[in-house]
Amino acid sequence: TVGIKLTSGERFNWHKLISPATVGIAL
């Protein structure tokens, strides 16, 4: 969220929260 905004200025997309790392944590 904040990281994407700072490095690119792009709007946040909730789909970007789904990554191999977050899937590993959730599972």
mmCIF file of all heavy atoms, coordinates in Angstrom:
data_MODEL
# 
_entry.id   MODEL 
# 
loop_
_atom_site.group_PDB 
_atom_site.id 
_atom_site.type_symbol 
_atom_site.label_atom_id 
_atom_site.label_alt_id 
_atom_site.label_comp_id 
_atom_site.label_asym_id 
_atom_site.label_entity_id 
_atom_site.label_seq_id 
_atom_site.pdbx_PDB_ins_code 
_atom_site.Cartn_x 
_atom_site.Cartn_y 
_atom_site.Cartn_z 
_atom_site.occupancy 
_atom_site.B_iso_or_equiv 
_atom_site.pdbx_formal_charge 
_atom_site.auth_seq_id 
_atom_site.auth_comp_id 
_atom_site.auth_asym_id 
_atom_site.auth_atom_id 
_atom_site.pdbx_PDB_model_num 
ATOM 1   N N   . THR A 1 1  ? 0.858  -1.188  0.000   1.00 0.00 ? 1  THR A N   1 
ATOM 2   C CA  . THR A 1 1  ? 0.000  0.000   0.000   1.00 0.00 ? 1  THR A CA  1 
ATOM 3   C C   . THR A 1 1  ? 0.896  1.241   0.000   1.00 0.00 ? 1  THR A C   1 
ATOM 4   O O   . THR A 1 1  ? 1.087  1.882   -1.023  1.00 0.00 ? 1  THR A O   1 
ATOM 5   C CB  . THR A 1 1  ? -0.957 0.007   1.207   1.00 0.00 ? 1  THR A CB  1 
ATOM 6   O OG1 . THR A 1 1  ? -0.199 -0.185  2.418   1.00 0.00 ? 1  THR A OG1 1 
ATOM 7   C CG2 . THR A 1 1  ? -1.968 -1.107  1.098   1.00 0.00 ? 1  THR A CG2 1 
ATOM 8   N N   . VAL A 1 2  ? 1.465  1.542   1.157   1.00 0.00 ? 2  VAL A N   1 
ATOM 9   C CA  . VAL A 1 2  ? 2.329  2.716   1.287   1.00 0.00 ? 2  VAL A CA  1 
ATOM 10  C C   . VAL A 1 2  ? 3.593  2.561   0.432   1.00 0.00 ? 2  VAL A C   1 
ATOM 11  O O   . VAL A 1 2  ? 4.039  3.515   -0.212  1.00 0.00 ? 2  VAL A O   1 
ATOM 12  C CB  . VAL A 1 2  ? 2.710  2.945   2.761   1.00 0.00 ? 2  VAL A CB  1 
ATOM 13  C CG1 . VAL A 1 2  ? 3.645  4.151   2.902   1.00 0.00 ? 2  VAL A CG1 1 
ATOM 14  C CG2 . VAL A 1 2  ? 1.462  3.151   3.609   1.00 0.00 ? 2  VAL A CG2 1 
ATOM 15  N N   . GLY A 1 3  ? 4.178  1.345   0.421   1.00 0.00 ? 3  GLY A N   1 
ATOM 16  C CA  . GLY A 1 3  ? 5.398  1.113   -0.346  1.00 0.00 ? 3  GLY A CA  1 
ATOM 17  C C   . GLY A 1 3  ? 5.201  1.366   -1.830  1.00 0.00 ? 3  GLY A C   1 
ATOM 18  O O   . GLY A 1 3  ? 6.032  2.008   -2.482  1.00 0.00 ? 3  GLY A O   1 
ATOM 19  N N   . ILE A 1 4  ? 4.092  0.868   -2.380  1.00 0.00 ? 4  ILE A N   1 
ATOM 20  C CA  . ILE A 1 4  ? 3.785  1.082   -3.796  1.00 0.00 ? 4  ILE A CA  1 
ATOM 21  C C   . ILE A 1 4  ? 3.567  2.565   -4.076  1.00 0.00 ? 4  ILE A C   1 
ATOM 22  O O   . ILE A 1 4  ? 4.035  3.112   -5.079  1.00 0.00 ? 4  ILE A O   1 
ATOM 23  C CB  . ILE A 1 4  ? 2.538  0.263   -4.199  1.00 0.00 ? 4  ILE A CB  1 
ATOM 24  C CG1 . ILE A 1 4  ? 2.866  -1.231  -4.242  1.00 0.00 ? 4  ILE A CG1 1 
ATOM 25  C CG2 . ILE A 1 4  ? 1.995  0.735   -5.544  1.00 0.00 ? 4  ILE A CG2 1 
ATOM 26  C CD1 . ILE A 1 4  ? 3.793  -1.628  -5.358  1.00 0.00 ? 4  ILE A CD1 1 
ATOM 27  N N   . LYS A 1 5  ? 2.869  3.231   -3.168  1.00 0.00 ? 5  LYS A N   1 
ATOM 28  C CA  . LYS A 1 5  ? 2.593  4.660   -3.344  1.00 0.00 ? 5  LYS A CA  1 
ATOM 29  C C   . LYS A 1 5  ? 3.890  5.471   -3.357  1.00 0.00 ? 5  LYS A C   1 
ATOM 30  O O   . LYS A 1 5  ? 4.069  6.377   -4.182  1.00 0.00 ? 5  LYS A O   1 
ATOM 31  C CB  . LYS A 1 5  ? 1.685  5.131   -2.210  1.00 0.00 ? 5  LYS A CB  1 
ATOM 32  C CG  . LYS A 1 5  ? 1.280  6.598   -2.301  1.00 0.00 ? 5  LYS A CG  1 
ATOM 33  C CD  . LYS A 1 5  ? 0.394  6.853   -3.488  1.00 0.00 ? 5  LYS A CD  1 
ATOM 34  C CE  . LYS A 1 5  ? -0.091 8.301   -3.524  1.00 0.00 ? 5  LYS A CE  1 
ATOM 35  N NZ  . LYS A 1 5  ? -0.913 8.576   -4.727  1.00 0.00 ? 5  LYS A NZ  1 
ATOM 36  N N   . LEU A 1 6  ? 4.823  5.149   -2.454  1.00 0.00 ? 6  LEU A N   1 
ATOM 37  C CA  . LEU A 1 6  ? 6.065  5.906   -2.358  1.00 0.00 ? 6  LEU A CA  1 
ATOM 38  C C   . LEU A 1 6  ? 6.989  5.670   -3.552  1.00 0.00 ? 6  LEU A C   1 
ATOM 39  O O   . LEU A 1 6  ? 7.638  6.600   -4.037  1.00 0.00 ? 6  LEU A O   1 
ATOM 40  C CB  . LEU A 1 6  ? 6.802  5.550   -1.065  1.00 0.00 ? 6  LEU A CB  1 
ATOM 41  C CG  . LEU A 1 6  ? 6.182  6.057   0.244   1.00 0.00 ? 6  LEU A CG  1 
ATOM 42  C CD1 . LEU A 1 6  ? 6.939  5.505   1.441   1.00 0.00 ? 6  LEU A CD1 1 
ATOM 43  C CD2 . LEU A 1 6  ? 6.167  7.584   0.280   1.00 0.00 ? 6  LEU A CD2 1 
ATOM 44  N N   . THR A 1 7  ? 7.076  4.437   -4.010  1.00 0.00 ? 7  THR A N   1 
ATOM 45  C CA  . THR A 1 7  ? 8.041  4.113   -5.068  1.00 0.00 ? 7  THR A CA  1 
ATOM 46  C C   . THR A 1 7  ? 7.514  4.355   -6.475  1.00 0.00 ? 7  THR A C   1 
ATOM 47  O O   . THR A 1 7  ? 8.301  4.493   -7.415  1.00 0.00 ? 7  THR A O   1 
ATOM 48  C CB  . THR A 1 7  ? 8.494  2.640   -4.966  1.00 0.00 ? 7  THR A CB  1 
ATOM 49  O OG1 . THR A 1 7  ? 7.335  1.781   -4.944  1.00 0.00 ? 7  THR A OG1 1 
ATOM 50  C CG2 . THR A 1 7  ? 9.304  2.417   -3.704  1.00 0.00 ? 7  THR A CG2 1 
ATOM 51  N N   . SER A 1 8  ? 6.188  4.410   -6.634  1.00 0.00 ? 8  SER A N   1 
ATOM 52  C CA  . SER A 1 8  ? 5.658  4.564   -7.988  1.00 0.00 ? 8  SER A CA  1 
ATOM 53  C C   . SER A 1 8  ? 4.545  5.594   -8.109  1.00 0.00 ? 8  SER A C   1 
ATOM 54  O O   . SER A 1 8  ? 4.259  6.077   -9.202  1.00 0.00 ? 8  SER A O   1 
ATOM 55  C CB  . SER A 1 8  ? 5.119  3.212   -8.489  1.00 0.00 ? 8  SER A CB  1 
ATOM 56  O OG  . SER A 1 8  ? 3.982  2.818   -7.740  1.00 0.00 ? 8  SER A OG  1 
ATOM 57  N N   . GLY A 1 9  ? 3.880  5.909   -7.000  1.00 0.00 ? 9  GLY A N   1 
ATOM 58  C CA  . GLY A 1 9  ? 2.753  6.827   -7.062  1.00 0.00 ? 9  GLY A CA  1 
ATOM 59  C C   . GLY A 1 9  ? 1.485  6.173   -7.565  1.00 0.00 ? 9  GLY A C   1 
ATOM 60  O O   . GLY A 1 9  ? 0.455  6.841   -7.749  1.00 0.00 ? 9  GLY A O   1 
ATOM 61  N N   . GLU A 1 10 ? 1.520  4.860   -7.787  1.00 0.00 ? 10 GLU A N   1 
ATOM 62  C CA  . GLU A 1 10 ? 0.343  4.148   -8.299  1.00 0.00 ? 10 GLU A CA  1 
ATOM 63  C C   . GLU A 1 10 ? -0.719 3.981   -7.208  1.00 0.00 ? 10 GLU A C   1 
ATOM 64  O O   . GLU A 1 10 ? -0.419 3.984   -6.021  1.00 0.00 ? 10 GLU A O   1 
ATOM 65  C CB  . GLU A 1 10 ? 0.740  2.752   -8.804  1.00 0.00 ? 10 GLU A CB  1 
ATOM 66  C CG  . GLU A 1 10 ? 1.655  2.767   -10.009 1.00 0.00 ? 10 GLU A CG  1 
ATOM 67  C CD  . GLU A 1 10 ? 2.013  1.354   -10.444 1.00 0.00 ? 10 GLU A CD  1 
ATOM 68  O OE1 . GLU A 1 10 ? 1.506  0.397   -9.826  1.00 0.00 ? 10 GLU A OE1 1 
ATOM 69  O OE2 . GLU A 1 10 ? 2.801  1.220   -11.384 1.00 0.00 ? 10 GLU A OE2 1 
ATOM 70  N N   . ARG A 1 11 ? -1.938 3.841   -7.633  1.00 0.00 ? 11 ARG A N   1 
ATOM 71  C CA  . ARG A 1 11 ? -3.014 3.519   -6.706  1.00 0.00 ? 11 ARG A CA  1 
ATOM 72  C C   . ARG A 1 11 ? -2.885 2.065   -6.252  1.00 0.00 ? 11 ARG A C   1 
ATOM 73  O O   . ARG A 1 11 ? -2.435 1.216   -7.000  1.00 0.00 ? 11 ARG A O   1 
ATOM 74  C CB  . ARG A 1 11 ? -4.382 3.728   -7.362  1.00 0.00 ? 11 ARG A CB  1 
ATOM 75  C CG  . ARG A 1 11 ? -4.702 5.191   -7.635  1.00 0.00 ? 11 ARG A CG  1 
ATOM 76  C CD  . ARG A 1 11 ? -6.107 5.318   -8.188  1.00 0.00 ? 11 ARG A CD  1 
ATOM 77  N NE  . ARG A 1 11 ? -6.461 6.715   -8.397  1.00 0.00 ? 11 ARG A NE  1 
ATOM 78  C CZ  . ARG A 1 11 ? -7.654 7.109   -8.843  1.00 0.00 ? 11 ARG A CZ  1 
ATOM 79  N NH1 . ARG A 1 11 ? -8.588 6.204   -9.146  1.00 0.00 ? 11 ARG A NH1 1 
ATOM 80  N NH2 . ARG A 1 11 ? -7.899 8.395   -9.006  1.00 0.00 ? 11 ARG A NH2 1 
ATOM 81  N N   . PHE A 1 12 ? -3.328 1.837   -5.036  1.00 0.00 ? 12 PHE A N   1 
ATOM 82  C CA  . PHE A 1 12 ? -3.205 0.487   -4.482  1.00 0.00 ? 12 PHE A CA  1 
ATOM 83  C C   . PHE A 1 12 ? -4.228 -0.457  -5.097  1.00 0.00 ? 12 PHE A C   1 
ATOM 84  O O   . PHE A 1 12 ? -5.378 -0.096  -5.301  1.00 0.00 ? 12 PHE A O   1 
ATOM 85  C CB  . PHE A 1 12 ? -3.387 0.535   -2.964  1.00 0.00 ? 12 PHE A CB  1 
ATOM 86  C CG  . PHE A 1 12 ? -3.522 -0.821  -2.335  1.00 0.00 ? 12 PHE A CG  1 
ATOM 87  C CD1 . PHE A 1 12 ? -2.477 -1.719  -2.387  1.00 0.00 ? 12 PHE A CD1 1 
ATOM 88  C CD2 . PHE A 1 12 ? -4.705 -1.204  -1.725  1.00 0.00 ? 12 PHE A CD2 1 
ATOM 89  C CE1 . PHE A 1 12 ? -2.594 -2.975  -1.816  1.00 0.00 ? 12 PHE A CE1 1 
ATOM 90  C CE2 . PHE A 1 12 ? -4.828 -2.448  -1.148  1.00 0.00 ? 12 PHE A CE2 1 
ATOM 91  C CZ  . PHE A 1 12 ? -3.771 -3.325  -1.193  1.00 0.00 ? 12 PHE A CZ  1 
ATOM 92  N N   . ASN A 1 13 ? -3.762 -1.667  -5.379  1.00 0.00 ? 13 ASN A N   1 
ATOM 93  C CA  . ASN A 1 13 ? -4.624 -2.731  -5.878  1.00 0.00 ? 13 ASN A CA  1 
ATOM 94  C C   . ASN A 1 13 ? -4.575 -3.875  -4.877  1.00 0.00 ? 13 ASN A C   1 
ATOM 95  O O   . ASN A 1 13 ? -3.509 -4.422  -4.599  1.00 0.00 ? 13 ASN A O   1 
ATOM 96  C CB  . ASN A 1 13 ? -4.125 -3.205  -7.259  1.00 0.00 ? 13 ASN A CB  1 
ATOM 97  C CG  . ASN A 1 13 ? -5.057 -4.224  -7.882  1.00 0.00 ? 13 ASN A CG  1 
ATOM 98  O OD1 . ASN A 1 13 ? -5.851 -4.869  -7.201  1.00 0.00 ? 13 ASN A OD1 1 
ATOM 99  N ND2 . ASN A 1 13 ? -4.966 -4.370  -9.189  1.00 0.00 ? 13 ASN A ND2 1 
ATOM 100 N N   . TRP A 1 14 ? -5.734 -4.251  -4.328  1.00 0.00 ? 14 TRP A N   1 
ATOM 101 C CA  . TRP A 1 14 ? -5.773 -5.297  -3.295  1.00 0.00 ? 14 TRP A CA  1 
ATOM 102 C C   . TRP A 1 14 ? -5.193 -6.620  -3.782  1.00 0.00 ? 14 TRP A C   1 
ATOM 103 O O   . TRP A 1 14 ? -4.708 -7.417  -2.986  1.00 0.00 ? 14 TRP A O   1 
ATOM 104 C CB  . TRP A 1 14 ? -7.212 -5.511  -2.809  1.00 0.00 ? 14 TRP A CB  1 
ATOM 105 C CG  . TRP A 1 14 ? -7.672 -4.437  -1.895  1.00 0.00 ? 14 TRP A CG  1 
ATOM 106 C CD1 . TRP A 1 14 ? -8.469 -3.372  -2.198  1.00 0.00 ? 14 TRP A CD1 1 
ATOM 107 C CD2 . TRP A 1 14 ? -7.344 -4.293  -0.506  1.00 0.00 ? 14 TRP A CD2 1 
ATOM 108 N NE1 . TRP A 1 14 ? -8.652 -2.578  -1.095  1.00 0.00 ? 14 TRP A NE1 1 
ATOM 109 C CE2 . TRP A 1 14 ? -7.980 -3.121  -0.035  1.00 0.00 ? 14 TRP A CE2 1 
ATOM 110 C CE3 . TRP A 1 14 ? -6.558 -5.045  0.382   1.00 0.00 ? 14 TRP A CE3 1 
ATOM 111 C CZ2 . TRP A 1 14 ? -7.861 -2.680  1.282   1.00 0.00 ? 14 TRP A CZ2 1 
ATOM 112 C CZ3 . TRP A 1 14 ? -6.456 -4.610  1.694   1.00 0.00 ? 14 TRP A CZ3 1 
ATOM 113 C CH2 . TRP A 1 14 ? -7.093 -3.444  2.123   1.00 0.00 ? 14 TRP A CH2 1 
ATOM 114 N N   . HIS A 1 15 ? -5.224 -6.849  -5.084  1.00 0.00 ? 15 HIS A N   1 
ATOM 115 C CA  . HIS A 1 15 ? -4.686 -8.102  -5.616  1.00 0.00 ? 15 HIS A CA  1 
ATOM 116 C C   . HIS A 1 15 ? -3.180 -8.228  -5.367  1.00 0.00 ? 15 HIS A C   1 
ATOM 117 O O   . HIS A 1 15 ? -2.641 -9.333  -5.329  1.00 0.00 ? 15 HIS A O   1 
ATOM 118 C CB  . HIS A 1 15 ? -4.969 -8.207  -7.120  1.00 0.00 ? 15 HIS A CB  1 
ATOM 119 C CG  . HIS A 1 15 ? -6.423 -8.333  -7.451  1.00 0.00 ? 15 HIS A CG  1 
ATOM 120 N ND1 . HIS A 1 15 ? -7.174 -9.433  -7.103  1.00 0.00 ? 15 HIS A ND1 1 
ATOM 121 C CD2 . HIS A 1 15 ? -7.279 -7.490  -8.089  1.00 0.00 ? 15 HIS A CD2 1 
ATOM 122 C CE1 . HIS A 1 15 ? -8.421 -9.277  -7.519  1.00 0.00 ? 15 HIS A CE1 1 
ATOM 123 N NE2 . HIS A 1 15 ? -8.511 -8.103  -8.115  1.00 0.00 ? 15 HIS A NE2 1 
ATOM 124 N N   . LYS A 1 16 ? -2.493 -7.091  -5.185  1.00 0.00 ? 16 LYS A N   1 
ATOM 125 C CA  . LYS A 1 16 ? -1.051 -7.125  -4.961  1.00 0.00 ? 16 LYS A CA  1 
ATOM 126 C C   . LYS A 1 16 ? -0.698 -7.673  -3.584  1.00 0.00 ? 16 LYS A C   1 
ATOM 127 O O   . LYS A 1 16 ? 0.470  -8.007  -3.337  1.00 0.00 ? 16 LYS A O   1 
ATOM 128 C CB  . LYS A 1 16 ? -0.463 -5.727  -5.152  1.00 0.00 ? 16 LYS A CB  1 
ATOM 129 C CG  . LYS A 1 16 ? -0.514 -5.265  -6.605  1.00 0.00 ? 16 LYS A CG  1 
ATOM 130 C CD  . LYS A 1 16 ? 0.160  -3.925  -6.798  1.00 0.00 ? 16 LYS A CD  1 
ATOM 131 C CE  . LYS A 1 16 ? 0.136  -3.519  -8.274  1.00 0.00 ? 16 LYS A CE  1 
ATOM 132 N NZ  . LYS A 1 16 ? 0.787  -2.219  -8.511  1.00 0.00 ? 16 LYS A NZ  1 
ATOM 133 N N   . LEU A 1 17 ? -1.684 -7.732  -2.690  1.00 0.00 ? 17 LEU A N   1 
ATOM 134 C CA  . LEU A 1 17 ? -1.431 -8.327  -1.377  1.00 0.00 ? 17 LEU A CA  1 
ATOM 135 C C   . LEU A 1 17 ? -1.282 -9.841  -1.464  1.00 0.00 ? 17 LEU A C   1 
ATOM 136 O O   . LEU A 1 17 ? -0.748 -10.473 -0.555  1.00 0.00 ? 17 LEU A O   1 
ATOM 137 C CB  . LEU A 1 17 ? -2.573 -7.990  -0.401  1.00 0.00 ? 17 LEU A CB  1 
ATOM 138 C CG  . LEU A 1 17 ? -2.523 -6.611  0.249   1.00 0.00 ? 17 LEU A CG  1 
ATOM 139 C CD1 . LEU A 1 17 ? -3.757 -6.407  1.114   1.00 0.00 ? 17 LEU A CD1 1 
ATOM 140 C CD2 . LEU A 1 17 ? -1.269 -6.438  1.075   1.00 0.00 ? 17 LEU A CD2 1 
ATOM 141 N N   . ILE A 1 18 ? -1.776 -10.422 -2.550  1.00 0.00 ? 18 ILE A N   1 
ATOM 142 C CA  . ILE A 1 18 ? -1.676 -11.868 -2.725  1.00 0.00 ? 18 ILE A CA  1 
ATOM 143 C C   . ILE A 1 18 ? -0.328 -12.169 -3.385  1.00 0.00 ? 18 ILE A C   1 
ATOM 144 O O   . ILE A 1 18 ? -0.143 -11.986 -4.583  1.00 0.00 ? 18 ILE A O   1 
ATOM 145 C CB  . ILE A 1 18 ? -2.829 -12.413 -3.592  1.00 0.00 ? 18 ILE A CB  1 
ATOM 146 C CG1 . ILE A 1 18 ? -4.169 -12.046 -2.964  1.00 0.00 ? 18 ILE A CG1 1 
ATOM 147 C CG2 . ILE A 1 18 ? -2.705 -13.924 -3.744  1.00 0.00 ? 18 ILE A CG2 1 
ATOM 148 C CD1 . ILE A 1 18 ? -5.367 -12.446 -3.810  1.00 0.00 ? 18 ILE A CD1 1 
ATOM 149 N N   . SER A 1 19 ? 0.616  -12.600 -2.572  1.00 0.00 ? 19 SER A N   1 
ATOM 150 C CA  . SER A 1 19 ? 1.960  -12.936 -3.042  1.00 0.00 ? 19 SER A CA  1 
ATOM 151 C C   . SER A 1 19 ? 2.354  -14.274 -2.433  1.00 0.00 ? 19 SER A C   1 
ATOM 152 O O   . SER A 1 19 ? 1.705  -14.749 -1.492  1.00 0.00 ? 19 SER A O   1 
ATOM 153 C CB  . SER A 1 19 ? 2.950  -11.850 -2.615  1.00 0.00 ? 19 SER A CB  1 
ATOM 154 O OG  . SER A 1 19 ? 3.104  -11.849 -1.200  1.00 0.00 ? 19 SER A OG  1 
ATOM 155 N N   . PRO A 1 20 ? 3.400  -14.912 -2.946  1.00 0.00 ? 20 PRO A N   1 
ATOM 156 C CA  . PRO A 1 20 ? 3.837  -16.186 -2.353  1.00 0.00 ? 20 PRO A CA  1 
ATOM 157 C C   . PRO A 1 20 ? 4.102  -16.066 -0.850  1.00 0.00 ? 20 PRO A C   1 
ATOM 158 O O   . PRO A 1 20 ? 3.786  -16.982 -0.079  1.00 0.00 ? 20 PRO A O   1 
ATOM 159 C CB  . PRO A 1 20 ? 5.113  -16.503 -3.139  1.00 0.00 ? 20 PRO A CB  1 
ATOM 160 C CG  . PRO A 1 20 ? 4.894  -15.881 -4.467  1.00 0.00 ? 20 PRO A CG  1 
ATOM 161 C CD  . PRO A 1 20 ? 4.158  -14.606 -4.183  1.00 0.00 ? 20 PRO A CD  1 
ATOM 162 N N   . ALA A 1 21 ? 4.667  -14.937 -0.409  1.00 0.00 ? 21 ALA A N   1 
ATOM 163 C CA  . ALA A 1 21 ? 4.977  -14.769 1.011   1.00 0.00 ? 21 ALA A CA  1 
ATOM 164 C C   . ALA A 1 21 ? 3.707  -14.679 1.851   1.00 0.00 ? 21 ALA A C   1 
ATOM 165 O O   . ALA A 1 21 ? 3.592  -15.327 2.897   1.00 0.00 ? 21 ALA A O   1 
ATOM 166 C CB  . ALA A 1 21 ? 5.838  -13.529 1.221   1.00 0.00 ? 21 ALA A CB  1 
ATOM 167 N N   . THR A 1 22 ? 2.738  -13.870 1.404   1.00 0.00 ? 22 THR A N   1 
ATOM 168 C CA  . THR A 1 22 ? 1.511  -13.726 2.177   1.00 0.00 ? 22 THR A CA  1 
ATOM 169 C C   . THR A 1 22 ? 0.684  -15.010 2.161   1.00 0.00 ? 22 THR A C   1 
ATOM 170 O O   . THR A 1 22 ? 0.027  -15.345 3.144   1.00 0.00 ? 22 THR A O   1 
ATOM 171 C CB  . THR A 1 22 ? 0.661  -12.555 1.649   1.00 0.00 ? 22 THR A CB  1 
ATOM 172 O OG1 . THR A 1 22 ? 0.410  -12.742 0.248   1.00 0.00 ? 22 THR A OG1 1 
ATOM 173 C CG2 . THR A 1 22 ? 1.368  -11.239 1.853   1.00 0.00 ? 22 THR A CG2 1 
ATOM 174 N N   . VAL A 1 23 ? 0.735  -15.733 1.048   1.00 0.00 ? 23 VAL A N   1 
ATOM 175 C CA  . VAL A 1 23 ? 0.044  -17.033 0.986   1.00 0.00 ? 23 VAL A CA  1 
ATOM 176 C C   . VAL A 1 23 ? 0.679  -18.003 1.975   1.00 0.00 ? 23 VAL A C   1 
ATOM 177 O O   . VAL A 1 23 ? -0.018 -18.744 2.674   1.00 0.00 ? 23 VAL A O   1 
ATOM 178 C CB  . VAL A 1 23 ? 0.086  -17.607 -0.449  1.00 0.00 ? 23 VAL A CB  1 
ATOM 179 C CG1 . VAL A 1 23 ? -0.393 -19.056 -0.458  1.00 0.00 ? 23 VAL A CG1 1 
ATOM 180 C CG2 . VAL A 1 23 ? -0.771 -16.765 -1.377  1.00 0.00 ? 23 VAL A CG2 1 
ATOM 181 N N   . GLY A 1 24 ? 2.021  -18.001 2.056   1.00 0.00 ? 24 GLY A N   1 
ATOM 182 C CA  . GLY A 1 24 ? 2.710  -18.868 3.010   1.00 0.00 ? 24 GLY A CA  1 
ATOM 183 C C   . GLY A 1 24 ? 2.342  -18.552 4.441   1.00 0.00 ? 24 GLY A C   1 
ATOM 184 O O   . GLY A 1 24 ? 2.108  -19.452 5.261   1.00 0.00 ? 24 GLY A O   1 
ATOM 185 N N   . ILE A 1 25 ? 2.243  -17.251 4.770   1.00 0.00 ? 25 ILE A N   1 
ATOM 186 C CA  . ILE A 1 25 ? 1.856  -16.842 6.116   1.00 0.00 ? 25 ILE A CA  1 
ATOM 187 C C   . ILE A 1 25 ? 0.439  -17.292 6.425   1.00 0.00 ? 25 ILE A C   1 
ATOM 188 O O   . ILE A 1 25 ? 0.168  -17.904 7.471   1.00 0.00 ? 25 ILE A O   1 
ATOM 189 C CB  . ILE A 1 25 ? 1.963  -15.312 6.273   1.00 0.00 ? 25 ILE A CB  1 
ATOM 190 C CG1 . ILE A 1 25 ? 3.420  -14.862 6.178   1.00 0.00 ? 25 ILE A CG1 1 
ATOM 191 C CG2 . ILE A 1 25 ? 1.366  -14.852 7.600   1.00 0.00 ? 25 ILE A CG2 1 
ATOM 192 C CD1 . ILE A 1 25 ? 3.586  -13.359 6.068   1.00 0.00 ? 25 ILE A CD1 1 
ATOM 193 N N   . ALA A 1 26 ? -0.496 -16.989 5.517   1.00 0.00 ? 26 ALA A N   1 
ATOM 194 C CA  . ALA A 1 26 ? -1.900 -17.314 5.734   1.00 0.00 ? 26 ALA A CA  1 
ATOM 195 C C   . ALA A 1 26 ? -2.113 -18.819 5.867   1.00 0.00 ? 26 ALA A C   1 
ATOM 196 O O   . ALA A 1 26 ? -2.859 -19.283 6.744   1.00 0.00 ? 26 ALA A O   1 
ATOM 197 C CB  . ALA A 1 26 ? -2.748 -16.762 4.584   1.00 0.00 ? 26 ALA A CB  1 
ATOM 198 N N   . LEU A 1 27 ? -1.460 -19.601 5.009   1.00 0.00 ? 27 LEU A N   1 
ATOM 199 C CA  . LEU A 1 27 ? -1.623 -21.054 5.037   1.00 0.00 ? 27 LEU A CA  1 
ATOM 200 C C   . LEU A 1 27 ? -1.073 -21.645 6.334   1.00 0.00 ? 27 LEU A C   1 
ATOM 201 O O   . LEU A 1 27 ? -1.693 -22.527 6.938   1.00 0.00 ? 27 LEU A O   1 
ATOM 202 C CB  . LEU A 1 27 ? -0.926 -21.674 3.828   1.00 0.00 ? 27 LEU A CB  1 
ATOM 203 C CG  . LEU A 1 27 ? -1.144 -23.180 3.611   1.00 0.00 ? 27 LEU A CG  1 
ATOM 204 C CD1 . LEU A 1 27 ? -2.629 -23.487 3.488   1.00 0.00 ? 27 LEU A CD1 1 
ATOM 205 C CD2 . LEU A 1 27 ? -0.403 -23.655 2.367   1.00 0.00 ? 27 LEU A CD2 1 
# 
